[in-house]
Amino acid sequence: MKKELTSLRGFVLVLIAGMLLASCSKKESEPDDIIVGKWNFSNATFNARVGARSLMEYLTDEFEFTSSEAQQYIVILNAMLQQSFTGTIELKSNSTYTSSFGGTPDTGTWNLSQSGDKLTVISDSEGPAIYDVLELNSNTLVLKITELMDIDLDGDGDEETVTITVEMTLSK
């Protein structure tokens, strides 16, 4: 009986020591730790829809652009988008940020959801923007945002619903 108690006590001590060592081991980086730092714009793509139609379809249907003209227009819009996003954002550990995109400086606060799949950026000068986090590692951050707006694009007095989805890649 005494030998069994000694063996049980030894087993419990080994178990406790193992748990202590495991709890002291280095943990994987949390998303909040990885996202903190200075991120540089690398690339962006956009997709625009007007109602149920692609931007290409809308331009050819409503403005009677040829496919080539519509494609040129989309290339110009994409170049403008790339220029407007060119810059950096620094996400600081105190949940504030500073950025300069397209030559426009901005400051505000940021929050990464507990699951790490949503990044909320609240500008001091504009309303909040909520991005889907598609990829996050120590070198790459890929964000996606979709905006809806009602605009009278063709001047007929009726507003069309425009959906713009932007996916941007940033790197450290």
N, C-alpha and C. Protein backbone atom coordinates (compact mmCIF):
# COMPACT_ATOMS: atom_id res chain seq x y z
N MET A 1 0.83 -1.19 0.00
CA MET A 1 0.00 0.00 0.00
C MET A 1 0.87 1.25 0.00
N LYS A 2 1.94 1.23 0.87
CA LYS A 2 2.83 2.38 0.97
C LYS A 2 3.54 2.61 -0.37
N LYS A 3 3.94 1.51 -1.05
CA LYS A 3 4.61 1.62 -2.34
C LYS A 3 3.67 2.23 -3.38
N GLU A 4 2.38 1.85 -3.35
CA GLU A 4 1.41 2.39 -4.30
C GLU A 4 1.22 3.89 -4.08
N LEU A 5 1.17 4.34 -2.81
CA LEU A 5 1.03 5.77 -2.51
C LEU A 5 2.25 6.55 -2.99
N THR A 6 3.43 5.97 -2.78
CA THR A 6 4.66 6.62 -3.23
C THR A 6 4.66 6.74 -4.75
N SER A 7 4.24 5.69 -5.45
CA SER A 7 4.17 5.72 -6.91
C SER A 7 3.14 6.74 -7.38
N LEU A 8 1.99 6.79 -6.71
CA LEU A 8 0.94 7.75 -7.06
C LEU A 8 1.44 9.18 -6.84
N ARG A 9 2.11 9.41 -5.69
CA ARG A 9 2.66 10.73 -5.39
C ARG A 9 3.69 11.13 -6.47
N GLY A 10 4.55 10.20 -6.86
CA GLY A 10 5.54 10.46 -7.91
C GLY A 10 4.88 10.80 -9.23
N PHE A 11 3.81 10.05 -9.56
CA PHE A 11 3.07 10.30 -10.79
C PHE A 11 2.46 11.70 -10.77
N VAL A 12 1.84 12.07 -9.65
CA VAL A 12 1.22 13.39 -9.52
C VAL A 12 2.27 14.49 -9.65
N LEU A 13 3.43 14.31 -9.02
CA LEU A 13 4.50 15.31 -9.11
C LEU A 13 4.99 15.47 -10.55
N VAL A 14 5.15 14.36 -11.27
CA VAL A 14 5.57 14.42 -12.67
C VAL A 14 4.50 15.12 -13.51
N LEU A 15 3.23 14.82 -13.24
CA LEU A 15 2.13 15.45 -13.96
C LEU A 15 2.11 16.95 -13.72
N ILE A 16 2.25 17.38 -12.47
CA ILE A 16 2.27 18.81 -12.13
C ILE A 16 3.47 19.50 -12.78
N ALA A 17 4.63 18.88 -12.72
CA ALA A 17 5.83 19.46 -13.33
C ALA A 17 5.64 19.62 -14.83
N GLY A 18 5.04 18.62 -15.46
CA GLY A 18 4.78 18.70 -16.90
C GLY A 18 3.83 19.83 -17.25
N MET A 19 2.80 20.00 -16.43
CA MET A 19 1.84 21.09 -16.68
C MET A 19 2.51 22.44 -16.50
N LEU A 20 3.36 22.57 -15.49
CA LEU A 20 4.07 23.84 -15.27
C LEU A 20 5.00 24.15 -16.42
N LEU A 21 5.73 23.16 -16.89
CA LEU A 21 6.64 23.38 -18.01
C LEU A 21 5.88 23.74 -19.28
N ALA A 22 4.76 23.09 -19.51
CA ALA A 22 3.96 23.38 -20.70
C ALA A 22 3.40 24.79 -20.64
N SER A 23 3.00 25.24 -19.46
CA SER A 23 2.43 26.59 -19.35
C SER A 23 3.50 27.66 -19.47
N CYS A 24 4.76 27.32 -19.24
CA CYS A 24 5.86 28.28 -19.36
C CYS A 24 6.44 28.32 -20.76
N SER A 25 6.06 27.38 -21.62
CA SER A 25 6.65 27.38 -22.95
C SER A 25 6.15 28.57 -23.76
N LYS A 26 6.93 28.93 -24.77
CA LYS A 26 6.60 30.09 -25.60
C LYS A 26 5.31 29.83 -26.37
N LYS A 27 4.39 30.77 -26.32
CA LYS A 27 3.14 30.65 -27.03
C LYS A 27 3.30 31.19 -28.44
N GLU A 28 2.43 30.72 -29.34
CA GLU A 28 2.42 31.28 -30.69
C GLU A 28 2.00 32.74 -30.60
N SER A 29 2.44 33.53 -31.55
CA SER A 29 2.07 34.94 -31.58
C SER A 29 0.57 35.07 -31.78
N GLU A 30 -0.03 35.94 -31.01
CA GLU A 30 -1.44 36.23 -31.15
C GLU A 30 -1.63 37.17 -32.34
N PRO A 31 -2.83 37.17 -32.99
CA PRO A 31 -3.05 38.08 -34.11
C PRO A 31 -2.77 39.54 -33.76
N ASP A 32 -3.14 39.98 -32.54
CA ASP A 32 -2.87 41.37 -32.15
C ASP A 32 -1.38 41.66 -32.15
N ASP A 33 -0.55 40.67 -31.76
CA ASP A 33 0.90 40.87 -31.76
C ASP A 33 1.44 40.96 -33.18
N ILE A 34 0.92 40.12 -34.06
CA ILE A 34 1.40 40.08 -35.44
C ILE A 34 1.02 41.35 -36.20
N ILE A 35 -0.19 41.85 -35.97
CA ILE A 35 -0.69 42.97 -36.77
C ILE A 35 -0.04 44.30 -36.39
N VAL A 36 0.49 44.40 -35.18
CA VAL A 36 1.12 45.64 -34.74
C VAL A 36 2.39 45.87 -35.56
N GLY A 37 2.54 47.09 -36.06
CA GLY A 37 3.73 47.44 -36.84
C GLY A 37 3.38 48.32 -38.01
N LYS A 38 4.39 48.61 -38.81
CA LYS A 38 4.21 49.48 -39.98
C LYS A 38 4.00 48.62 -41.22
N TRP A 39 2.88 48.84 -41.90
CA TRP A 39 2.51 48.08 -43.07
C TRP A 39 2.58 48.99 -44.30
N ASN A 40 3.18 48.49 -45.36
CA ASN A 40 3.32 49.22 -46.61
C ASN A 40 2.37 48.65 -47.66
N PHE A 41 1.68 49.54 -48.37
CA PHE A 41 0.78 49.11 -49.43
C PHE A 41 1.57 48.39 -50.52
N SER A 42 1.06 47.24 -50.96
CA SER A 42 1.70 46.49 -52.05
C SER A 42 0.84 46.50 -53.30
N ASN A 43 -0.46 46.20 -53.13
CA ASN A 43 -1.31 46.04 -54.30
C ASN A 43 -2.77 46.09 -53.87
N ALA A 44 -3.64 46.46 -54.81
CA ALA A 44 -5.08 46.41 -54.56
C ALA A 44 -5.79 46.01 -55.84
N THR A 45 -6.88 45.29 -55.68
CA THR A 45 -7.76 44.99 -56.80
C THR A 45 -9.16 45.43 -56.41
N PHE A 46 -9.95 45.77 -57.41
CA PHE A 46 -11.32 46.15 -57.09
C PHE A 46 -12.29 45.49 -58.05
N ASN A 47 -13.50 45.35 -57.57
CA ASN A 47 -14.59 44.84 -58.37
C ASN A 47 -15.77 45.76 -58.12
N ALA A 48 -16.33 46.31 -59.19
CA ALA A 48 -17.47 47.22 -59.05
C ALA A 48 -18.66 46.63 -59.79
N ARG A 49 -19.81 46.75 -59.13
CA ARG A 49 -21.08 46.32 -59.73
C ARG A 49 -22.06 47.47 -59.62
N VAL A 50 -22.87 47.63 -60.64
CA VAL A 50 -23.94 48.63 -60.63
C VAL A 50 -25.23 47.83 -60.71
N GLY A 51 -25.95 47.79 -59.58
CA GLY A 51 -27.09 46.89 -59.50
C GLY A 51 -26.58 45.47 -59.63
N ALA A 52 -27.17 44.71 -60.57
CA ALA A 52 -26.76 43.32 -60.77
C ALA A 52 -25.71 43.19 -61.87
N ARG A 53 -25.33 44.30 -62.50
CA ARG A 53 -24.40 44.25 -63.63
C ARG A 53 -22.96 44.58 -63.21
N SER A 54 -22.02 43.97 -63.91
CA SER A 54 -20.62 44.34 -63.70
C SER A 54 -20.42 45.76 -64.22
N LEU A 55 -19.35 46.40 -63.81
CA LEU A 55 -19.06 47.75 -64.29
C LEU A 55 -18.90 47.74 -65.81
N MET A 56 -18.27 46.72 -66.34
CA MET A 56 -18.09 46.59 -67.80
C MET A 56 -19.45 46.55 -68.50
N GLU A 57 -20.37 45.73 -67.99
CA GLU A 57 -21.71 45.64 -68.59
C GLU A 57 -22.43 46.98 -68.49
N TYR A 58 -22.33 47.62 -67.35
CA TYR A 58 -23.01 48.90 -67.14
C TYR A 58 -22.49 49.95 -68.14
N LEU A 59 -21.19 50.03 -68.29
CA LEU A 59 -20.61 51.03 -69.20
C LEU A 59 -21.01 50.77 -70.65
N THR A 60 -21.05 49.50 -71.05
CA THR A 60 -21.42 49.20 -72.43
C THR A 60 -22.93 49.37 -72.66
N ASP A 61 -23.75 49.05 -71.65
CA ASP A 61 -25.20 49.17 -71.80
C ASP A 61 -25.68 50.62 -71.69
N GLU A 62 -25.28 51.31 -70.64
CA GLU A 62 -25.82 52.64 -70.34
C GLU A 62 -25.12 53.77 -71.09
N PHE A 63 -23.83 53.65 -71.31
CA PHE A 63 -23.08 54.72 -71.95
C PHE A 63 -22.64 54.35 -73.37
N GLU A 64 -23.05 53.16 -73.80
CA GLU A 64 -22.75 52.65 -75.13
C GLU A 64 -21.25 52.67 -75.44
N PHE A 65 -20.45 52.38 -74.42
CA PHE A 65 -19.01 52.21 -74.63
C PHE A 65 -18.80 50.92 -75.41
N THR A 66 -17.77 50.88 -76.22
CA THR A 66 -17.36 49.60 -76.78
C THR A 66 -16.68 48.82 -75.65
N SER A 67 -16.49 47.54 -75.86
CA SER A 67 -15.80 46.74 -74.84
C SER A 67 -14.41 47.28 -74.58
N SER A 68 -13.74 47.72 -75.64
CA SER A 68 -12.39 48.27 -75.51
C SER A 68 -12.40 49.57 -74.70
N GLU A 69 -13.37 50.44 -74.97
CA GLU A 69 -13.47 51.71 -74.22
C GLU A 69 -13.79 51.45 -72.75
N ALA A 70 -14.70 50.51 -72.51
CA ALA A 70 -15.06 50.18 -71.12
C ALA A 70 -13.84 49.62 -70.39
N GLN A 71 -13.08 48.76 -71.06
CA GLN A 71 -11.88 48.18 -70.45
C GLN A 71 -10.86 49.27 -70.14
N GLN A 72 -10.67 50.23 -71.05
CA GLN A 72 -9.74 51.34 -70.81
C GLN A 72 -10.19 52.15 -69.59
N TYR A 73 -11.47 52.39 -69.48
CA TYR A 73 -12.02 53.14 -68.35
C TYR A 73 -11.74 52.41 -67.03
N ILE A 74 -11.92 51.10 -67.04
CA ILE A 74 -11.68 50.30 -65.84
C ILE A 74 -10.19 50.30 -65.50
N VAL A 75 -9.32 50.25 -66.50
CA VAL A 75 -7.87 50.32 -66.25
C VAL A 75 -7.51 51.65 -65.60
N ILE A 76 -8.11 52.74 -66.07
CA ILE A 76 -7.86 54.07 -65.48
C ILE A 76 -8.35 54.10 -64.04
N LEU A 77 -9.54 53.57 -63.78
CA LEU A 77 -10.06 53.51 -62.40
C LEU A 77 -9.13 52.70 -61.50
N ASN A 78 -8.63 51.59 -62.01
CA ASN A 78 -7.72 50.76 -61.23
C ASN A 78 -6.43 51.51 -60.92
N ALA A 79 -5.90 52.25 -61.89
CA ALA A 79 -4.68 53.04 -61.66
C ALA A 79 -4.93 54.11 -60.60
N MET A 80 -6.10 54.74 -60.65
CA MET A 80 -6.45 55.75 -59.63
C MET A 80 -6.55 55.10 -58.26
N LEU A 81 -7.12 53.91 -58.21
CA LEU A 81 -7.24 53.17 -56.95
C LEU A 81 -5.86 52.85 -56.39
N GLN A 82 -4.97 52.34 -57.24
CA GLN A 82 -3.61 52.02 -56.79
C GLN A 82 -2.93 53.25 -56.21
N GLN A 83 -3.09 54.39 -56.88
CA GLN A 83 -2.46 55.63 -56.41
C GLN A 83 -3.07 56.09 -55.09
N SER A 84 -4.37 55.96 -54.94
CA SER A 84 -5.02 56.44 -53.71
C SER A 84 -4.65 55.59 -52.50
N PHE A 85 -4.28 54.32 -52.72
CA PHE A 85 -3.90 53.45 -51.61
C PHE A 85 -2.39 53.42 -51.36
N THR A 86 -1.59 53.99 -52.25
CA THR A 86 -0.14 53.97 -52.07
C THR A 86 0.23 54.70 -50.79
N GLY A 87 0.95 54.01 -49.91
CA GLY A 87 1.36 54.61 -48.65
C GLY A 87 1.54 53.57 -47.57
N THR A 88 1.41 54.02 -46.32
CA THR A 88 1.65 53.15 -45.17
C THR A 88 0.61 53.38 -44.08
N ILE A 89 0.48 52.37 -43.24
CA ILE A 89 -0.30 52.50 -42.01
C ILE A 89 0.52 51.84 -40.90
N GLU A 90 0.62 52.53 -39.78
CA GLU A 90 1.31 51.96 -38.63
C GLU A 90 0.27 51.69 -37.55
N LEU A 91 0.07 50.41 -37.26
CA LEU A 91 -0.85 49.98 -36.21
C LEU A 91 -0.05 49.84 -34.93
N LYS A 92 -0.37 50.67 -33.96
CA LYS A 92 0.42 50.71 -32.72
C LYS A 92 -0.20 49.81 -31.65
N SER A 93 0.63 49.38 -30.70
CA SER A 93 0.18 48.45 -29.66
C SER A 93 -0.85 49.06 -28.72
N ASN A 94 -0.99 50.39 -28.70
CA ASN A 94 -2.00 51.02 -27.85
C ASN A 94 -3.33 51.20 -28.60
N SER A 95 -3.50 50.47 -29.70
CA SER A 95 -4.72 50.47 -30.52
C SER A 95 -4.97 51.79 -31.23
N THR A 96 -3.93 52.58 -31.47
CA THR A 96 -4.04 53.77 -32.31
C THR A 96 -3.27 53.50 -33.60
N TYR A 97 -3.52 54.34 -34.60
CA TYR A 97 -2.78 54.20 -35.84
C TYR A 97 -2.47 55.56 -36.43
N THR A 98 -1.46 55.58 -37.27
CA THR A 98 -1.17 56.73 -38.13
C THR A 98 -1.02 56.16 -39.53
N SER A 99 -1.50 56.91 -40.52
CA SER A 99 -1.39 56.43 -41.89
C SER A 99 -1.18 57.59 -42.84
N SER A 100 -0.71 57.25 -44.00
CA SER A 100 -0.61 58.20 -45.10
C SER A 100 -0.84 57.42 -46.38
N PHE A 101 -2.05 57.52 -46.90
CA PHE A 101 -2.40 56.85 -48.15
C PHE A 101 -2.73 57.92 -49.17
N GLY A 102 -2.16 57.78 -50.36
CA GLY A 102 -2.41 58.76 -51.41
C GLY A 102 -1.96 60.16 -51.02
N GLY A 103 -0.99 60.25 -50.11
CA GLY A 103 -0.48 61.54 -49.67
C GLY A 103 -1.32 62.22 -48.61
N THR A 104 -2.37 61.54 -48.12
CA THR A 104 -3.25 62.12 -47.11
C THR A 104 -2.97 61.48 -45.76
N PRO A 105 -2.46 62.26 -44.78
CA PRO A 105 -2.21 61.70 -43.45
C PRO A 105 -3.52 61.51 -42.68
N ASP A 106 -3.54 60.52 -41.81
CA ASP A 106 -4.72 60.23 -41.01
C ASP A 106 -4.28 59.58 -39.70
N THR A 107 -5.12 59.71 -38.69
CA THR A 107 -4.90 59.07 -37.40
C THR A 107 -6.24 58.53 -36.90
N GLY A 108 -6.17 57.64 -35.94
CA GLY A 108 -7.39 57.10 -35.35
C GLY A 108 -7.07 55.90 -34.49
N THR A 109 -8.08 55.04 -34.33
CA THR A 109 -7.93 53.84 -33.52
C THR A 109 -8.25 52.62 -34.37
N TRP A 110 -7.80 51.47 -33.89
CA TRP A 110 -8.07 50.22 -34.59
C TRP A 110 -8.37 49.13 -33.58
N ASN A 111 -9.08 48.10 -34.06
CA ASN A 111 -9.41 46.96 -33.22
C ASN A 111 -9.47 45.71 -34.10
N LEU A 112 -8.81 44.66 -33.66
CA LEU A 112 -8.87 43.38 -34.35
C LEU A 112 -9.82 42.49 -33.56
N SER A 113 -10.79 41.88 -34.24
CA SER A 113 -11.74 41.01 -33.55
C SER A 113 -11.00 39.88 -32.85
N GLN A 114 -11.65 39.32 -31.85
CA GLN A 114 -11.03 38.26 -31.06
C GLN A 114 -10.65 37.06 -31.94
N SER A 115 -11.47 36.80 -32.95
CA SER A 115 -11.17 35.68 -33.85
C SER A 115 -10.12 36.05 -34.90
N GLY A 116 -9.78 37.33 -35.00
CA GLY A 116 -8.75 37.78 -35.93
C GLY A 116 -9.21 37.92 -37.36
N ASP A 117 -10.53 37.83 -37.60
CA ASP A 117 -11.01 37.89 -38.98
C ASP A 117 -11.61 39.24 -39.39
N LYS A 118 -11.69 40.20 -38.48
CA LYS A 118 -12.22 41.54 -38.78
C LYS A 118 -11.30 42.60 -38.18
N LEU A 119 -10.94 43.58 -38.99
CA LEU A 119 -10.16 44.72 -38.53
C LEU A 119 -11.03 45.95 -38.67
N THR A 120 -11.30 46.62 -37.54
CA THR A 120 -12.07 47.86 -37.55
C THR A 120 -11.11 49.02 -37.40
N VAL A 121 -11.19 49.95 -38.33
CA VAL A 121 -10.35 51.14 -38.32
C VAL A 121 -11.28 52.34 -38.18
N ILE A 122 -11.08 53.12 -37.11
CA ILE A 122 -11.92 54.29 -36.87
C ILE A 122 -11.05 55.53 -37.00
N SER A 123 -11.25 56.23 -38.10
CA SER A 123 -10.49 57.44 -38.39
C SER A 123 -10.97 58.58 -37.51
N ASP A 124 -10.05 59.47 -37.13
CA ASP A 124 -10.44 60.67 -36.40
C ASP A 124 -11.26 61.61 -37.27
N SER A 125 -11.16 61.47 -38.60
CA SER A 125 -11.85 62.39 -39.50
C SER A 125 -13.00 61.76 -40.28
N GLU A 126 -13.12 60.44 -40.24
CA GLU A 126 -14.18 59.75 -40.97
C GLU A 126 -14.79 58.67 -40.09
N GLY A 127 -15.85 58.06 -40.59
CA GLY A 127 -16.50 56.99 -39.84
C GLY A 127 -15.68 55.71 -39.86
N PRO A 128 -16.14 54.69 -39.16
CA PRO A 128 -15.40 53.43 -39.09
C PRO A 128 -15.44 52.65 -40.41
N ALA A 129 -14.40 51.89 -40.65
CA ALA A 129 -14.33 50.97 -41.78
C ALA A 129 -14.02 49.59 -41.21
N ILE A 130 -14.79 48.60 -41.64
CA ILE A 130 -14.59 47.24 -41.15
C ILE A 130 -14.09 46.38 -42.31
N TYR A 131 -12.89 45.84 -42.14
CA TYR A 131 -12.24 45.02 -43.16
C TYR A 131 -12.30 43.55 -42.77
N ASP A 132 -12.50 42.69 -43.76
CA ASP A 132 -12.31 41.25 -43.56
C ASP A 132 -10.81 41.00 -43.66
N VAL A 133 -10.27 40.26 -42.70
CA VAL A 133 -8.85 39.89 -42.74
C VAL A 133 -8.77 38.55 -43.46
N LEU A 134 -8.25 38.57 -44.68
CA LEU A 134 -8.14 37.35 -45.48
C LEU A 134 -6.86 36.59 -45.20
N GLU A 135 -5.80 37.34 -44.86
CA GLU A 135 -4.52 36.71 -44.53
C GLU A 135 -3.78 37.62 -43.57
N LEU A 136 -3.17 37.02 -42.56
CA LEU A 136 -2.36 37.76 -41.61
C LEU A 136 -1.23 36.87 -41.13
N ASN A 137 -0.02 37.30 -41.44
CA ASN A 137 1.17 36.65 -40.89
C ASN A 137 2.19 37.74 -40.61
N SER A 138 3.38 37.38 -40.22
CA SER A 138 4.35 38.39 -39.80
C SER A 138 4.80 39.30 -40.94
N ASN A 139 4.55 38.91 -42.20
CA ASN A 139 5.00 39.72 -43.34
C ASN A 139 3.88 40.25 -44.22
N THR A 140 2.71 39.65 -44.18
CA THR A 140 1.65 39.97 -45.13
C THR A 140 0.32 40.18 -44.42
N LEU A 141 -0.40 41.21 -44.87
CA LEU A 141 -1.75 41.49 -44.39
C LEU A 141 -2.62 41.72 -45.62
N VAL A 142 -3.64 40.89 -45.80
CA VAL A 142 -4.56 41.04 -46.92
C VAL A 142 -5.93 41.37 -46.35
N LEU A 143 -6.47 42.52 -46.77
CA LEU A 143 -7.75 43.02 -46.28
C LEU A 143 -8.74 43.13 -47.43
N LYS A 144 -10.02 43.00 -47.08
CA LYS A 144 -11.08 43.14 -48.07
C LYS A 144 -12.20 43.96 -47.45
N ILE A 145 -12.72 44.90 -48.24
CA ILE A 145 -13.84 45.71 -47.78
C ILE A 145 -14.83 45.87 -48.92
N THR A 146 -16.11 45.88 -48.59
CA THR A 146 -17.17 46.08 -49.56
C THR A 146 -17.99 47.29 -49.13
N GLU A 147 -18.17 48.22 -50.06
CA GLU A 147 -18.95 49.43 -49.79
C GLU A 147 -20.13 49.48 -50.75
N LEU A 148 -21.27 49.88 -50.22
CA LEU A 148 -22.47 50.10 -51.03
C LEU A 148 -22.79 51.58 -51.02
N MET A 149 -23.16 52.12 -52.18
CA MET A 149 -23.58 53.51 -52.23
C MET A 149 -24.63 53.68 -53.32
N ASP A 150 -25.54 54.58 -53.07
CA ASP A 150 -26.57 54.90 -54.04
C ASP A 150 -26.19 56.21 -54.71
N ILE A 151 -25.99 56.16 -56.04
CA ILE A 151 -25.52 57.31 -56.80
C ILE A 151 -26.27 57.35 -58.13
N ASP A 152 -26.60 58.55 -58.58
CA ASP A 152 -27.16 58.72 -59.92
C ASP A 152 -26.00 58.84 -60.89
N LEU A 153 -25.57 57.72 -61.43
CA LEU A 153 -24.40 57.69 -62.31
C LEU A 153 -24.67 58.23 -63.71
N ASP A 154 -25.88 58.02 -64.20
CA ASP A 154 -26.16 58.38 -65.59
C ASP A 154 -26.97 59.66 -65.75
N GLY A 155 -27.24 60.36 -64.64
CA GLY A 155 -27.92 61.65 -64.70
C GLY A 155 -29.39 61.59 -65.04
N ASP A 156 -30.02 60.42 -64.87
CA ASP A 156 -31.44 60.30 -65.21
C ASP A 156 -32.36 60.58 -64.03
N GLY A 157 -31.79 60.96 -62.89
CA GLY A 157 -32.59 61.25 -61.70
C GLY A 157 -32.82 60.05 -60.80
N ASP A 158 -32.52 58.85 -61.28
CA ASP A 158 -32.66 57.64 -60.48
C ASP A 158 -31.28 57.21 -59.97
N GLU A 159 -31.23 56.88 -58.69
CA GLU A 159 -29.97 56.42 -58.12
C GLU A 159 -29.78 54.93 -58.38
N GLU A 160 -28.57 54.57 -58.74
CA GLU A 160 -28.20 53.18 -58.91
C GLU A 160 -27.40 52.76 -57.67
N THR A 161 -27.57 51.49 -57.28
CA THR A 161 -26.78 50.97 -56.17
C THR A 161 -25.46 50.46 -56.72
N VAL A 162 -24.39 51.06 -56.24
CA VAL A 162 -23.05 50.68 -56.67
C VAL A 162 -22.39 49.91 -55.53
N THR A 163 -21.88 48.73 -55.84
CA THR A 163 -21.17 47.91 -54.87
C THR A 163 -19.71 47.84 -55.31
N ILE A 164 -18.83 48.28 -54.42
CA ILE A 164 -17.39 48.25 -54.72
C ILE A 164 -16.71 47.37 -53.68
N THR A 165 -16.00 46.38 -54.15
CA THR A 165 -15.22 45.51 -53.28
C THR A 165 -13.74 45.73 -53.59
N VAL A 166 -12.99 46.04 -52.55
CA VAL A 166 -11.55 46.27 -52.70
C VAL A 166 -10.81 45.24 -51.85
N GLU A 167 -9.83 44.60 -52.46
CA GLU A 167 -8.95 43.69 -51.73
C GLU A 167 -7.54 44.26 -51.83
N MET A 168 -6.93 44.52 -50.67
CA MET A 168 -5.60 45.12 -50.69
C MET A 168 -4.60 44.27 -49.92
N THR A 169 -3.39 44.29 -50.42
CA THR A 169 -2.29 43.56 -49.80
C THR A 169 -1.28 44.57 -49.26
N LEU A 170 -0.90 44.37 -48.00
CA LEU A 170 0.11 45.20 -47.35
C LEU A 170 1.23 44.30 -46.87
N SER A 171 2.43 44.84 -46.78
CA SER A 171 3.56 44.04 -46.30
C SER A 171 4.38 44.84 -45.31
N LYS A 172 5.08 44.12 -44.43
CA LYS A 172 5.95 44.77 -43.44
C LYS A 172 7.32 44.91 -44.04
